[in-house]
Amino acid sequence: MTLEETVGKILQIGELKIEVTGETVPCKLMNEVSEGLREALKPSWRGGITGSVINDCLVKKGDPVSWL
């Protein structure tokens, strides 16, 4: 999924809804896993997103993922 510039959007995973609040900035620990990983995760929000959970539910492997 494209994560870049999605602040304010709602990500749905199964019944779970998460409001995107920002980009996760890769930290220096990424390079301890693999040299160069931190730089590889910087473009296009590849490091992930942060968000606020809107509802309480169970997420299961295989649940569909979509933008609302």
N, C-alpha and C. Protein backbone atom coordinates (compact mmCIF):
# COMPACT_ATOMS: atom_id res chain seq x y z
N MET A 1 0.83 -1.18 0.00
CA MET A 1 0.00 0.00 0.00
C MET A 1 0.88 1.25 0.00
N THR A 2 0.41 2.26 -0.65
CA THR A 2 1.09 3.55 -0.62
C THR A 2 0.75 4.25 0.68
N LEU A 3 1.78 4.60 1.46
CA LEU A 3 1.56 5.24 2.75
C LEU A 3 1.87 6.73 2.74
N GLU A 4 2.65 7.18 1.77
CA GLU A 4 3.11 8.56 1.70
C GLU A 4 1.94 9.54 1.64
N GLU A 5 2.04 10.60 2.44
CA GLU A 5 1.06 11.70 2.45
C GLU A 5 -0.37 11.21 2.75
N THR A 6 -0.53 10.38 3.77
CA THR A 6 -1.84 9.84 4.12
C THR A 6 -2.36 10.35 5.46
N VAL A 7 -1.73 11.38 6.02
CA VAL A 7 -2.19 11.94 7.30
C VAL A 7 -3.66 12.32 7.20
N GLY A 8 -4.44 11.88 8.18
CA GLY A 8 -5.87 12.17 8.20
C GLY A 8 -6.73 11.10 7.57
N LYS A 9 -6.13 10.22 6.78
CA LYS A 9 -6.89 9.14 6.16
C LYS A 9 -7.13 8.03 7.17
N ILE A 10 -8.15 7.20 6.89
CA ILE A 10 -8.50 6.08 7.74
C ILE A 10 -8.07 4.78 7.05
N LEU A 11 -7.22 4.02 7.73
CA LEU A 11 -6.78 2.71 7.25
C LEU A 11 -7.65 1.67 7.92
N GLN A 12 -8.24 0.78 7.13
CA GLN A 12 -9.07 -0.28 7.69
C GLN A 12 -8.39 -1.62 7.47
N ILE A 13 -8.26 -2.39 8.56
CA ILE A 13 -7.70 -3.74 8.52
C ILE A 13 -8.75 -4.65 9.13
N GLY A 14 -9.44 -5.41 8.30
CA GLY A 14 -10.60 -6.16 8.79
C GLY A 14 -11.61 -5.15 9.28
N GLU A 15 -12.02 -5.26 10.54
CA GLU A 15 -12.96 -4.30 11.13
C GLU A 15 -12.25 -3.14 11.83
N LEU A 16 -10.94 -3.26 12.03
CA LEU A 16 -10.16 -2.22 12.72
C LEU A 16 -10.00 -0.97 11.86
N LYS A 17 -10.16 0.19 12.50
CA LYS A 17 -9.97 1.46 11.79
C LYS A 17 -8.91 2.27 12.54
N ILE A 18 -7.94 2.78 11.78
CA ILE A 18 -6.84 3.57 12.33
C ILE A 18 -6.75 4.87 11.56
N GLU A 19 -6.74 6.00 12.28
CA GLU A 19 -6.55 7.30 11.64
C GLU A 19 -5.05 7.58 11.59
N VAL A 20 -4.52 7.83 10.40
CA VAL A 20 -3.10 8.09 10.23
C VAL A 20 -2.77 9.48 10.78
N THR A 21 -1.75 9.52 11.68
CA THR A 21 -1.36 10.79 12.29
C THR A 21 0.02 11.26 11.83
N GLY A 22 0.78 10.40 11.15
CA GLY A 22 2.09 10.83 10.69
C GLY A 22 2.94 9.70 10.15
N GLU A 23 4.14 10.06 9.82
CA GLU A 23 5.13 9.12 9.28
C GLU A 23 6.01 8.60 10.41
N THR A 24 6.35 7.32 10.36
CA THR A 24 7.34 6.77 11.27
C THR A 24 8.71 7.01 10.66
N VAL A 25 9.56 7.72 11.38
CA VAL A 25 10.90 8.02 10.88
C VAL A 25 11.84 6.90 11.33
N PRO A 26 12.50 6.23 10.39
CA PRO A 26 13.41 5.14 10.74
C PRO A 26 14.55 5.64 11.65
N CYS A 27 14.84 4.90 12.70
CA CYS A 27 15.89 5.30 13.63
C CYS A 27 17.21 4.60 13.29
N LYS A 28 18.26 4.98 14.01
CA LYS A 28 19.59 4.44 13.75
C LYS A 28 19.68 2.94 14.02
N LEU A 29 18.75 2.39 14.77
CA LEU A 29 18.76 0.95 15.05
C LEU A 29 18.51 0.11 13.79
N MET A 30 17.91 0.71 12.78
CA MET A 30 17.66 -0.01 11.53
C MET A 30 18.97 -0.53 10.92
N ASN A 31 20.02 0.27 11.02
CA ASN A 31 21.31 -0.13 10.44
C ASN A 31 21.96 -1.26 11.22
N GLU A 32 21.54 -1.48 12.47
CA GLU A 32 22.05 -2.63 13.22
C GLU A 32 21.48 -3.93 12.66
N VAL A 33 20.30 -3.85 12.08
CA VAL A 33 19.67 -5.01 11.44
C VAL A 33 20.36 -5.28 10.11
N SER A 34 20.54 -4.22 9.33
CA SER A 34 21.18 -4.34 8.02
C SER A 34 21.73 -2.98 7.61
N GLU A 35 23.01 -2.90 7.35
CA GLU A 35 23.65 -1.64 6.95
C GLU A 35 22.94 -1.05 5.73
N GLY A 36 22.55 0.21 5.84
CA GLY A 36 21.88 0.90 4.74
C GLY A 36 20.37 0.84 4.82
N LEU A 37 19.83 0.05 5.75
CA LEU A 37 18.37 -0.09 5.85
C LEU A 37 17.68 1.22 6.21
N ARG A 38 18.28 2.00 7.09
CA ARG A 38 17.68 3.28 7.49
C ARG A 38 17.45 4.18 6.29
N GLU A 39 18.44 4.33 5.45
CA GLU A 39 18.31 5.17 4.25
C GLU A 39 17.30 4.59 3.26
N ALA A 40 17.26 3.26 3.18
CA ALA A 40 16.32 2.62 2.25
C ALA A 40 14.87 2.83 2.68
N LEU A 41 14.63 3.02 3.98
CA LEU A 41 13.27 3.19 4.48
C LEU A 41 12.78 4.64 4.47
N LYS A 42 13.68 5.59 4.25
CA LYS A 42 13.30 7.01 4.31
C LYS A 42 12.38 7.47 3.18
N PRO A 43 12.64 7.13 1.92
CA PRO A 43 11.77 7.65 0.85
C PRO A 43 10.35 7.07 0.92
N SER A 44 9.40 7.90 0.56
CA SER A 44 8.01 7.46 0.38
C SER A 44 7.40 6.82 1.61
N TRP A 45 7.86 7.22 2.79
CA TRP A 45 7.29 6.73 4.05
C TRP A 45 7.42 5.21 4.19
N ARG A 46 8.46 4.63 3.63
CA ARG A 46 8.63 3.17 3.70
C ARG A 46 8.87 2.67 5.12
N GLY A 47 9.20 3.57 6.05
CA GLY A 47 9.39 3.19 7.44
C GLY A 47 8.08 2.92 8.16
N GLY A 48 6.98 3.32 7.56
CA GLY A 48 5.66 3.08 8.14
C GLY A 48 4.96 4.35 8.56
N ILE A 49 3.84 4.16 9.22
CA ILE A 49 3.01 5.28 9.67
C ILE A 49 2.70 5.14 11.15
N THR A 50 2.29 6.25 11.75
CA THR A 50 1.76 6.24 13.11
C THR A 50 0.28 6.56 13.01
N GLY A 51 -0.47 6.15 14.00
CA GLY A 51 -1.89 6.41 13.94
C GLY A 51 -2.60 6.23 15.26
N SER A 52 -3.86 6.61 15.27
CA SER A 52 -4.73 6.46 16.44
C SER A 52 -5.79 5.43 16.11
N VAL A 53 -5.93 4.45 17.00
CA VAL A 53 -6.95 3.41 16.81
C VAL A 53 -8.32 4.02 17.11
N ILE A 54 -9.25 3.83 16.19
CA ILE A 54 -10.58 4.41 16.31
C ILE A 54 -11.54 3.46 17.04
N ASN A 55 -11.41 2.17 16.76
CA ASN A 55 -12.33 1.22 17.37
C ASN A 55 -11.57 0.00 17.91
N ASP A 56 -12.23 -0.73 18.77
CA ASP A 56 -11.65 -1.90 19.42
C ASP A 56 -12.19 -3.16 18.75
N CYS A 57 -11.28 -4.00 18.24
CA CYS A 57 -11.70 -5.24 17.61
C CYS A 57 -10.51 -6.17 17.47
N LEU A 58 -10.76 -7.36 16.99
CA LEU A 58 -9.73 -8.36 16.78
C LEU A 58 -9.28 -8.32 15.33
N VAL A 59 -7.97 -8.33 15.10
CA VAL A 59 -7.42 -8.38 13.75
C VAL A 59 -6.88 -9.78 13.54
N LYS A 60 -7.21 -10.36 12.39
CA LYS A 60 -6.77 -11.72 12.09
C LYS A 60 -5.89 -11.73 10.84
N LYS A 61 -4.99 -12.68 10.79
CA LYS A 61 -4.16 -12.88 9.60
C LYS A 61 -5.08 -13.09 8.41
N GLY A 62 -4.79 -12.39 7.33
CA GLY A 62 -5.60 -12.51 6.12
C GLY A 62 -6.72 -11.50 6.02
N ASP A 63 -6.93 -10.68 7.07
CA ASP A 63 -7.96 -9.64 7.00
C ASP A 63 -7.63 -8.68 5.84
N PRO A 64 -8.65 -8.22 5.12
CA PRO A 64 -8.39 -7.27 4.04
C PRO A 64 -7.93 -5.91 4.59
N VAL A 65 -7.11 -5.23 3.81
CA VAL A 65 -6.57 -3.91 4.19
C VAL A 65 -6.99 -2.92 3.09
N SER A 66 -7.57 -1.78 3.50
CA SER A 66 -8.00 -0.80 2.51
C SER A 66 -8.07 0.58 3.15
N TRP A 67 -8.15 1.59 2.29
CA TRP A 67 -8.36 2.97 2.73
C TRP A 67 -9.83 3.28 2.67
N LEU A 68 -10.34 3.99 3.67
CA LEU A 68 -11.74 4.44 3.64
C LEU A 68 -11.84 5.81 3.02
